[in-house]
Protein backbone atom coordinates (compact mmCIF):
# COMPACT_ATOMS: atom_id res chain seq x y z
CA UNK A 1 -1.53 10.74 7.33
CA UNK A 2 -3.98 8.49 9.69
CA UNK A 3 -2.91 5.64 11.18
CA UNK A 4 -6.13 4.15 10.65
CA UNK A 5 -6.00 4.00 6.63
CA UNK A 6 -2.18 4.16 6.00
CA UNK A 7 -2.60 0.50 5.20
CA UNK A 8 -5.92 0.96 2.66
CA UNK A 9 -3.79 3.06 0.81
CA UNK A 10 -0.69 0.64 0.67
CA UNK A 11 -3.40 -1.58 -0.42
CA UNK A 12 -4.63 0.80 -3.26
CA UNK A 13 -1.87 1.32 -4.71
CA UNK A 14 -0.69 -2.06 -4.86
CA UNK A 15 -4.16 -3.26 -6.34
CA UNK A 16 -3.50 -0.17 -8.98
CA UNK A 17 -0.23 -1.55 -9.70
CA UNK A 18 -1.12 -4.66 -10.72
CA UNK A 19 -4.35 -3.94 -12.46
CA UNK A 20 -1.89 -2.05 -14.55
CA UNK A 21 0.64 -4.56 -15.37
CA UNK A 22 -0.67 -7.88 -14.43
CA UNK A 23 2.03 -9.49 -16.88
CA UNK A 24 4.78 -8.05 -14.60
CA UNK A 25 2.65 -8.67 -11.33
CA UNK A 26 0.54 -11.80 -11.68
CA UNK A 27 -0.34 -11.67 -7.50
CA UNK A 28 0.86 -11.21 -4.78
CA UNK A 29 1.15 -11.19 -1.04
CA UNK A 30 2.54 -8.33 0.88
CA UNK A 31 2.38 -7.56 4.30
CA UNK A 32 4.16 -5.74 7.32
CA UNK A 33 4.62 -5.04 11.11
CA UNK A 34 4.85 -2.15 13.05
CA UNK A 35 4.55 -1.76 16.81
CA UNK A 36 2.22 0.57 16.54
CA UNK A 37 -0.30 -0.94 13.82
CA UNK A 38 0.25 -4.66 14.11
CA UNK A 39 0.24 -7.59 11.85
CA UNK A 40 -0.88 -6.19 8.34
CA UNK A 41 -0.79 -8.89 5.47
CA UNK A 42 -2.91 -8.38 2.28
CA UNK A 43 -2.95 -9.69 -1.39
CA UNK A 44 -3.04 -8.53 -5.26
CA UNK A 45 -4.01 -11.01 -8.11
CA UNK A 46 -6.65 -13.66 -9.37
CA UNK A 47 -6.50 -17.01 -6.80
CA UNK A 48 -3.76 -14.83 -4.72
CA UNK A 49 -4.58 -15.61 -0.90
CA UNK A 50 -3.27 -14.12 2.22
CA UNK A 51 -2.12 -17.90 2.88
CA UNK A 52 -0.53 -18.38 0.00
CA UNK A 53 2.47 -20.94 0.10
CA UNK A 54 5.79 -19.48 -1.83
CA UNK A 55 8.82 -20.69 -2.56
CA UNK A 56 10.87 -18.45 -1.15
CA UNK A 57 14.67 -19.20 -3.12
CA UNK A 58 17.37 -17.22 -1.93
CA UNK A 59 15.54 -15.98 1.10
CA UNK A 60 16.44 -19.39 2.30
CA UNK A 61 20.02 -18.67 3.23
CA UNK A 62 19.27 -17.11 6.66
CA UNK A 63 17.09 -19.91 7.85
CA UNK A 64 20.03 -22.65 6.79
CA UNK A 65 22.55 -20.21 8.91
CA UNK A 66 20.61 -19.93 11.54
CA UNK A 67 20.55 -24.22 11.78
CA UNK A 68 23.67 -24.01 11.68
CA UNK A 69 24.50 -21.61 14.64
CA UNK A 70 21.64 -23.12 16.66
CA UNK A 71 23.74 -26.63 16.24
CA UNK A 72 26.46 -25.07 17.07
CA UNK A 73 25.70 -23.47 20.00
CA UNK A 74 24.06 -26.77 21.22
CA UNK A 75 27.57 -28.20 21.24
CA UNK A 76 29.25 -25.72 22.94
CA UNK A 77 30.89 -24.95 19.43
CA UNK A 78 29.61 -21.50 18.75
CA UNK A 79 32.72 -19.92 17.12
CA UNK A 80 32.74 -18.21 13.59
CA UNK A 81 36.21 -18.19 13.25
CA UNK A 82 36.10 -22.36 13.37
CA UNK A 83 38.18 -23.68 10.43
CA UNK A 84 34.89 -25.69 8.73
CA UNK A 85 37.42 -28.80 8.45
CA UNK A 86 37.52 -29.21 12.03
CA UNK A 87 34.01 -30.16 12.51
CA UNK A 88 32.97 -33.67 12.34
CA UNK A 89 32.27 -35.16 8.96
CA UNK A 90 33.79 -32.15 6.88
CA UNK A 91 37.00 -33.74 7.08
CA UNK A 92 37.26 -33.01 3.25
CA UNK A 93 38.47 -29.59 3.51
CA UNK A 94 41.28 -30.57 5.59
CA UNK A 95 43.02 -31.66 2.24
CA UNK A 96 43.58 -28.62 0.38
CA UNK A 97 45.64 -25.25 1.74
CA UNK A 98 43.27 -23.04 0.59
CA UNK A 99 40.07 -25.17 1.97
CA UNK A 100 41.70 -25.24 5.19
CA UNK A 101 41.37 -21.92 5.38
CA UNK A 102 37.40 -21.40 5.06
CA UNK A 103 35.54 -20.73 8.22
CA UNK A 104 32.13 -21.12 9.44
CA UNK A 105 31.85 -16.93 9.04
CA UNK A 106 33.03 -17.45 5.72
CA UNK A 107 30.89 -19.60 4.61
CA UNK A 108 27.19 -17.71 6.10
CA UNK A 109 28.81 -14.33 4.90
CA UNK A 110 29.72 -15.04 1.13
CA UNK A 111 33.13 -14.54 1.88
CA UNK A 112 34.44 -18.54 1.11
CA UNK A 113 35.26 -17.83 -2.24
CA UNK A 114 33.71 -20.99 -3.24
CA UNK A 115 31.66 -20.46 -6.94
CA UNK A 116 28.18 -19.08 -7.43
CA UNK A 117 26.13 -19.20 -10.79
CA UNK A 118 28.67 -19.87 -13.43
CA UNK A 119 28.01 -21.08 -17.65
CA UNK A 120 30.00 -24.47 -17.56
CA UNK A 121 32.06 -22.78 -19.78
CA UNK A 122 33.64 -20.42 -17.20
CA UNK A 123 34.46 -22.70 -14.52
CA UNK A 124 37.21 -25.46 -13.30
CA UNK A 125 37.26 -28.75 -15.04
CA UNK A 126 35.58 -31.63 -12.81
CA UNK A 127 34.86 -35.33 -13.32
CA UNK A 128 31.43 -34.61 -15.17
CA UNK A 129 32.18 -30.75 -16.64
CA UNK A 130 35.07 -30.28 -19.19
CA UNK A 131 35.07 -26.72 -19.76
CA UNK A 132 36.60 -27.64 -23.32
CA UNK A 133 33.94 -30.42 -24.21
CA UNK A 134 30.63 -30.78 -24.79
CA UNK A 135 27.79 -29.11 -22.96
CA UNK A 136 27.10 -31.65 -19.53
CA UNK A 137 24.37 -33.79 -19.67
CA UNK A 138 23.72 -36.79 -17.41
CA UNK A 139 19.54 -36.98 -17.40
CA UNK A 140 18.85 -40.35 -15.78
CA UNK A 141 15.71 -42.06 -16.55
CA UNK A 142 15.62 -43.60 -13.13
CA UNK A 143 15.71 -40.19 -11.67
CA UNK A 144 13.10 -37.98 -13.60
CA UNK A 145 14.25 -35.02 -11.75
CA UNK A 146 14.46 -32.57 -15.12
CA UNK A 147 17.65 -31.87 -17.66
CA UNK A 148 20.46 -30.40 -16.61
CA UNK A 149 21.34 -26.79 -17.51
CA UNK A 150 24.32 -25.69 -18.53
CA UNK A 151 25.60 -23.30 -15.46
CA UNK A 152 26.76 -24.59 -12.26
CA UNK A 153 26.80 -23.08 -8.95
CA UNK A 154 23.45 -23.64 -7.16
CA UNK A 155 22.74 -27.63 -7.57
CA UNK A 156 19.03 -27.21 -7.25
CA UNK A 157 18.70 -24.65 -9.53
CA UNK A 158 20.74 -26.06 -12.30
CA UNK A 159 20.59 -29.91 -11.50
CA UNK A 160 24.40 -29.70 -12.87
CA UNK A 161 26.38 -32.71 -13.01
CA UNK A 162 27.75 -34.56 -10.21
CA UNK A 163 29.53 -37.12 -9.21
CA UNK A 164 28.32 -39.72 -7.42
CA UNK A 165 28.92 -43.82 -7.06
CA UNK A 166 31.62 -44.13 -9.68
CA UNK A 167 28.96 -41.98 -12.52
CA UNK A 168 27.88 -39.05 -13.10
CA UNK A 169 24.23 -37.86 -11.62
CA UNK A 170 21.61 -35.00 -11.23
CA UNK A 171 22.21 -32.98 -8.37
CA UNK A 172 18.35 -33.30 -7.17
CA UNK A 173 18.34 -37.17 -7.32
CA UNK A 174 21.31 -37.23 -5.04
CA UNK A 175 21.16 -36.73 -1.68
CA UNK A 176 22.79 -33.47 0.34
CA UNK A 177 25.57 -35.81 1.41
CA UNK A 178 26.73 -36.67 -1.78
CA UNK A 179 25.97 -32.99 -3.20
CA UNK A 180 28.25 -31.30 -0.50
CA UNK A 181 30.86 -33.82 -0.31
CA UNK A 182 31.25 -33.30 -4.69
CA UNK A 183 31.26 -29.80 -3.72
CA UNK A 184 33.97 -30.02 -1.31
CA UNK A 185 36.06 -31.87 -3.46
CA UNK A 186 35.38 -30.03 -6.74
CA UNK A 187 35.62 -26.84 -6.00
CA UNK A 188 38.45 -24.36 -4.34
CA UNK A 189 37.70 -21.27 -3.46
CA UNK A 190 38.41 -18.42 -5.93
CA UNK A 191 40.31 -15.83 -3.92
CA UNK A 192 41.68 -16.30 -0.13
CA UNK A 193 38.43 -16.98 2.21
CA UNK A 194 38.01 -13.85 3.73
CA UNK A 195 39.69 -11.46 1.89
CA UNK A 196 36.82 -10.68 -0.45
CA UNK A 197 32.89 -11.19 -0.49
CA UNK A 198 31.13 -12.86 -3.61
CA UNK A 199 27.74 -14.35 -3.54
CA UNK A 200 27.90 -17.79 -3.10
CA UNK A 201 25.06 -20.59 -3.06
CA UNK A 202 27.62 -23.36 -2.92
CA UNK A 203 28.52 -22.38 0.92
CA UNK A 204 25.01 -22.82 2.00
CA UNK A 205 25.56 -26.41 0.36
CA UNK A 206 28.33 -27.12 2.61
CA UNK A 207 26.46 -25.38 5.79
CA UNK A 208 23.76 -27.57 5.61
CA UNK A 209 25.82 -30.82 5.33
CA UNK A 210 27.65 -29.55 8.36
CA UNK A 211 24.28 -29.08 10.26
CA UNK A 212 23.09 -32.84 9.55
CA UNK A 213 26.60 -34.13 11.07
CA UNK A 214 26.40 -31.74 14.23
CA UNK A 215 22.60 -32.89 14.67
CA UNK A 216 22.79 -36.36 12.67
CA UNK A 217 19.53 -35.58 11.44
CA UNK A 218 18.10 -33.47 7.98
CA UNK A 219 18.52 -29.86 8.25
CA UNK A 220 14.67 -29.47 7.01
CA UNK A 221 13.92 -31.42 9.91
CA UNK A 222 16.12 -29.78 12.66
CA UNK A 223 14.69 -26.41 11.47
CA UNK A 224 11.15 -27.34 11.75
CA UNK A 225 11.75 -28.74 15.41
CA UNK A 226 13.69 -25.48 16.59
CA UNK A 227 12.24 -23.02 14.59
CA UNK A 228 9.58 -23.58 12.98
CA UNK A 229 7.44 -25.32 15.03
CA UNK A 230 8.51 -23.14 18.18
CA UNK A 231 6.92 -19.84 16.11
CA UNK A 232 4.29 -21.24 15.28
CA UNK A 233 5.17 -21.63 11.87
CA UNK A 234 3.25 -24.37 10.19
CA UNK A 235 2.98 -23.26 6.47
CA UNK A 236 6.88 -23.68 6.32
CA UNK A 237 8.41 -26.68 5.07
CA UNK A 238 11.43 -28.23 2.41
CA UNK A 239 10.02 -31.42 1.02
CA UNK A 240 6.45 -30.63 -0.90
CA UNK A 241 6.58 -34.19 -2.01
CA UNK A 242 8.18 -37.38 -1.17
CA UNK A 243 10.81 -38.64 -2.97
CA UNK A 244 9.64 -42.07 -4.18
CA UNK A 245 12.31 -43.44 -2.23
CA UNK A 246 11.39 -45.05 1.35
CA UNK A 247 15.36 -44.72 2.68
CA UNK A 248 15.37 -41.08 1.79
CA UNK A 249 11.82 -40.23 2.74
CA UNK A 250 12.06 -41.96 6.29
CA UNK A 251 14.87 -38.89 7.00
CA UNK A 252 13.62 -35.95 4.85
CA UNK A 253 10.01 -36.21 4.46
CA UNK A 254 7.99 -33.00 6.72
CA UNK A 255 4.34 -35.11 5.92
CA UNK A 256 3.14 -31.70 3.82
CA UNK A 257 -0.44 -32.39 3.53
CA UNK A 258 -2.24 -32.28 -0.20
CA UNK A 259 -4.54 -29.12 1.23
CA UNK A 260 -0.77 -27.21 1.50
CA UNK A 261 0.29 -28.68 -1.82
CA UNK A 262 -3.04 -27.07 -2.74
CA UNK A 263 -1.54 -23.73 -1.88
CA UNK A 264 1.78 -23.46 -3.23
CA UNK A 265 1.55 -21.10 -5.91
CA UNK A 266 2.05 -20.93 -9.61
CA UNK A 267 5.73 -19.55 -11.25
CA UNK A 268 4.63 -16.87 -13.96
CA UNK A 269 7.69 -16.31 -16.06
CA UNK A 270 8.34 -12.88 -16.83
CA UNK A 271 11.57 -13.44 -19.07
CA UNK A 272 11.98 -11.36 -22.14
CA UNK A 273 11.81 -14.34 -24.44
CA UNK A 274 9.17 -16.70 -22.38
CA UNK A 275 11.60 -19.60 -21.60
CA UNK A 276 12.79 -20.64 -18.83
CA UNK A 277 15.94 -18.73 -17.49
CA UNK A 278 19.20 -20.78 -19.32
CA UNK A 279 20.41 -21.59 -15.67
CA UNK A 280 17.70 -23.24 -14.41
CA UNK A 281 17.18 -26.53 -15.26
CA UNK A 282 13.65 -27.57 -16.26
CA UNK A 283 11.29 -30.25 -14.32
CA UNK A 284 10.34 -33.80 -16.13
CA UNK A 285 8.05 -31.61 -17.85
CA UNK A 286 10.05 -28.86 -19.67
CA UNK A 287 8.59 -26.96 -17.10
CA UNK A 288 9.87 -25.54 -13.27
CA UNK A 289 8.25 -28.11 -11.35
CA UNK A 290 6.51 -26.06 -8.11
CA UNK A 291 6.90 -29.14 -6.07
CA UNK A 292 10.01 -30.28 -6.71
CA UNK A 293 8.75 -34.02 -7.12
CA UNK A 294 11.16 -37.12 -7.09
CA UNK A 295 13.91 -34.55 -5.21
CA UNK A 296 15.98 -36.06 -2.78
CA UNK A 297 17.91 -33.42 -2.69
CA UNK A 298 17.02 -30.85 0.37
CA UNK A 299 18.16 -27.55 -1.90
CA UNK A 300 19.49 -25.96 1.81
CA UNK A 301 20.22 -22.72 -0.54
CA UNK A 302 16.98 -22.04 -2.19
CA UNK A 303 14.60 -24.52 -1.24
CA UNK A 304 12.11 -23.54 0.97
CA UNK A 305 8.66 -22.62 1.16
CA UNK A 306 6.51 -20.35 3.40
CA UNK A 307 3.77 -17.77 4.27
CA UNK A 308 3.85 -13.88 4.83
CA UNK A 309 2.75 -14.86 7.96
CA UNK A 310 5.39 -17.18 8.92
CA UNK A 311 7.76 -14.76 7.74
CA UNK A 312 6.82 -12.11 9.94
CA UNK A 313 6.92 -14.66 13.17
CA UNK A 314 10.51 -14.96 12.12
CA UNK A 315 11.02 -11.69 11.86
CA UNK A 316 9.28 -10.24 14.81
CA UNK A 317 11.38 -12.97 16.81
CA UNK A 318 14.74 -11.52 16.01
CA UNK A 319 13.05 -8.36 16.35
CA UNK A 320 12.38 -9.25 20.20
CA UNK A 321 16.20 -10.38 20.65
CA UNK A 322 15.25 -14.26 19.77
CA UNK A 323 12.22 -14.14 21.72
CA UNK A 324 8.26 -15.29 20.55
CA UNK A 325 5.24 -15.45 22.70
CA UNK A 326 7.52 -15.41 25.84
CA UNK A 327 9.68 -18.00 25.52
CA UNK A 328 13.42 -17.87 23.76
CA UNK A 329 13.74 -19.18 20.23
CA UNK A 330 17.27 -17.91 19.59
CA UNK A 331 19.84 -16.81 22.40
CA UNK A 332 21.31 -13.69 22.31
CA UNK A 333 24.26 -14.43 20.88
CA UNK A 334 22.49 -16.18 17.73
CA UNK A 335 20.59 -13.31 17.13
CA UNK A 336 23.69 -10.93 17.56
CA UNK A 337 25.26 -12.66 15.02
CA UNK A 338 22.20 -12.69 12.58
CA UNK A 339 21.26 -8.89 12.88
CA UNK A 340 24.72 -7.21 13.36
CA UNK A 341 26.95 -6.19 9.91
CA UNK A 342 29.88 -8.74 10.82
CA UNK A 343 32.09 -6.84 7.80
CA UNK A 344 31.27 -7.03 3.79
CA UNK A 345 27.72 -5.64 4.29
CA UNK A 346 26.62 -8.98 5.86
CA UNK A 347 25.40 -10.67 8.97
CA UNK A 348 25.72 -14.11 9.19
CA UNK A 349 22.59 -14.84 6.38
CA UNK A 350 21.36 -11.64 5.82
CA UNK A 351 22.27 -8.65 3.54
CA UNK A 352 22.83 -5.25 6.25
CA UNK A 353 22.36 -1.70 4.97
CA UNK A 354 25.43 0.60 6.24
CA UNK A 355 23.78 3.53 5.22
CA UNK A 356 20.38 4.38 4.13
CA UNK A 357 19.52 3.07 0.83
CA UNK A 358 17.34 3.91 -2.41
CA UNK A 359 14.19 2.34 -1.00
CA UNK A 360 13.65 4.29 2.13
CA UNK A 361 15.24 2.03 4.42
CA UNK A 362 17.71 2.79 7.41
CA UNK A 363 20.99 2.27 8.34
CA UNK A 364 20.73 -1.47 9.79
CA UNK A 365 18.55 -2.72 7.62
CA UNK A 366 18.41 -6.30 7.07
CA UNK A 367 17.17 -7.82 3.59
CA UNK A 368 16.79 -10.16 1.55
CA UNK A 369 15.80 -11.16 -1.94
CA UNK A 370 15.05 -14.69 -3.80
CA UNK A 371 14.99 -14.89 -7.18
CA UNK A 372 11.08 -15.94 -7.31
CA UNK A 373 10.59 -12.25 -6.49
CA UNK A 374 10.25 -12.44 -2.88
CA UNK A 375 11.42 -10.22 -0.23
CA UNK A 376 11.69 -9.59 3.25
CA UNK A 377 13.24 -7.02 5.32
CA UNK A 378 13.81 -5.90 9.04
CA UNK A 379 14.46 -1.82 9.34
CA UNK A 380 15.18 -1.61 13.35
CA UNK A 381 14.99 2.08 13.58
CA UNK A 382 15.48 3.77 16.94
CA UNK A 383 11.54 3.82 18.04
CA UNK A 384 9.32 2.29 15.34
CA UNK A 385 11.23 -0.85 14.03
CA UNK A 386 9.17 -2.15 11.13
CA UNK A 387 9.62 -5.87 9.43
CA UNK A 388 8.10 -6.23 6.30
CA UNK A 389 7.40 -9.65 3.73
CA UNK A 390 6.77 -9.24 -0.63
CA UNK A 391 5.69 -12.60 -1.78
CA UNK A 392 5.50 -12.95 -5.34
CA UNK A 393 6.10 -16.38 -7.74
CA UNK A 394 8.00 -14.49 -10.91
CA UNK A 395 11.07 -15.90 -12.78
CA UNK A 396 12.82 -13.02 -14.29
CA UNK A 397 15.99 -13.39 -16.51
CA UNK A 398 19.66 -13.06 -14.45
CA UNK A 399 22.23 -13.37 -16.63
CA UNK A 400 22.11 -13.96 -20.29
CA UNK A 401 19.27 -11.66 -20.52
CA UNK A 402 18.39 -8.76 -17.60
CA UNK A 403 15.33 -7.83 -16.84
CA UNK A 404 15.72 -8.27 -12.98
CA UNK A 405 15.09 -4.46 -12.65
CA UNK A 406 11.71 -4.86 -14.36
CA UNK A 407 10.95 -7.61 -12.03
CA UNK A 408 11.68 -6.25 -8.81
CA UNK A 409 10.35 -3.14 -9.59
CA UNK A 410 7.44 -2.91 -7.69
CA UNK A 411 9.44 -4.01 -4.68
CA UNK A 412 11.69 -1.92 -4.69
CA UNK A 413 10.29 1.45 -6.64
CA UNK A 414 6.44 0.81 -5.03
CA UNK A 415 5.90 -1.21 -2.35
CA UNK A 416 8.99 -0.87 0.48
CA UNK A 417 8.94 2.86 -0.15
CA UNK A 418 5.16 3.12 0.32
CA UNK A 419 4.89 1.29 3.89
CA UNK A 420 8.69 2.97 4.76
CA UNK A 421 7.09 6.41 3.80
CA UNK A 422 3.49 5.73 5.24
CA UNK A 423 4.94 4.28 8.51
CA UNK A 424 7.20 7.32 9.21
CA UNK A 425 4.51 10.06 8.41
CA UNK A 426 2.16 8.21 10.56
CA UNK A 427 4.70 7.36 13.77
CA UNK A 428 5.71 11.88 13.20
CA UNK A 429 2.09 12.02 13.71
CA UNK A 430 1.90 11.00 17.52
């Protein structure tokens, strides 16, 4: 295959897929970078452009992990075996024998035992949730961030009821400090930390609070100064609109312009019933609010916005050992923690391929999927490393009614294998 034309073939196949099934793929931005071909970015779908800003959902977690490792290193504490309760402000974890066993490693590796998504009837009792009682609801007209769902596990997604200042309130209307304190008090590990792996969003709520305590600033602003600005990630942020609370906004607002808000892509439902998945709490208009208006919660487990080009910049920095444009952004030790298997098929924030997978990626490939059908990967290879991004904005059913496989088909059955095959063929011809 000619090096000159391989990307054109990728573009055409993505266009053909989108034309054939626009209901499943209304639009997307997709991009790759290789040492030989450079950076290549394209889009498909009406109204979609290569500079579209997308909510990257759980792909936020590697960035939260990066922030925690950076904050620890800056204070001479970069030890992933450190018990979390020993960090300043995290003393709540010292009050319970099982929680005392949670280490920094466990938070970022999904081995903490902290819970993830589950229906409230399957969860433990808290001050605001009785598994034997009525469905939890603590809608507050003074905090119009949407209703609560009947699910717990990700405060930003479920908007679950948490106990703050003597009453139950929706998590989106509370600060990261309040939400993390609730999580640390209310939820114990389901298994001994470090003995098993189970995906946990709560762990990244706690990790983000640790960043705040270590740095004295909001995690989103810390990431901006330490990662986004050095990498030129101008379209990456957490807070699209002010919360309306002046004190909160002074701490977390990033000054996102109207022009950038206008580039935030709409989220399309591809659920089987045409409704929001039951675990997702709607916004105040009954739908998912793509700008998260009125939120005070930073949403470190899934709230970052970014572009394909910005995400390539981050992945390229990891590929290049922490360097970007001739300057160090991350130390060699942090990069090692972010790209090497740390056990249980995870690095500190990424999934890690222990063997070649069905998408064609090689051993050691890092990847992360976001529930809005977003995907990043870095296949280090030996001679021809590939980094890639796929950004759509679609919601599938994950739990009660599953159609995730249909939603991800374009990524894992079409785009990633096509890129892998094309790059391999081009490189083999050299």
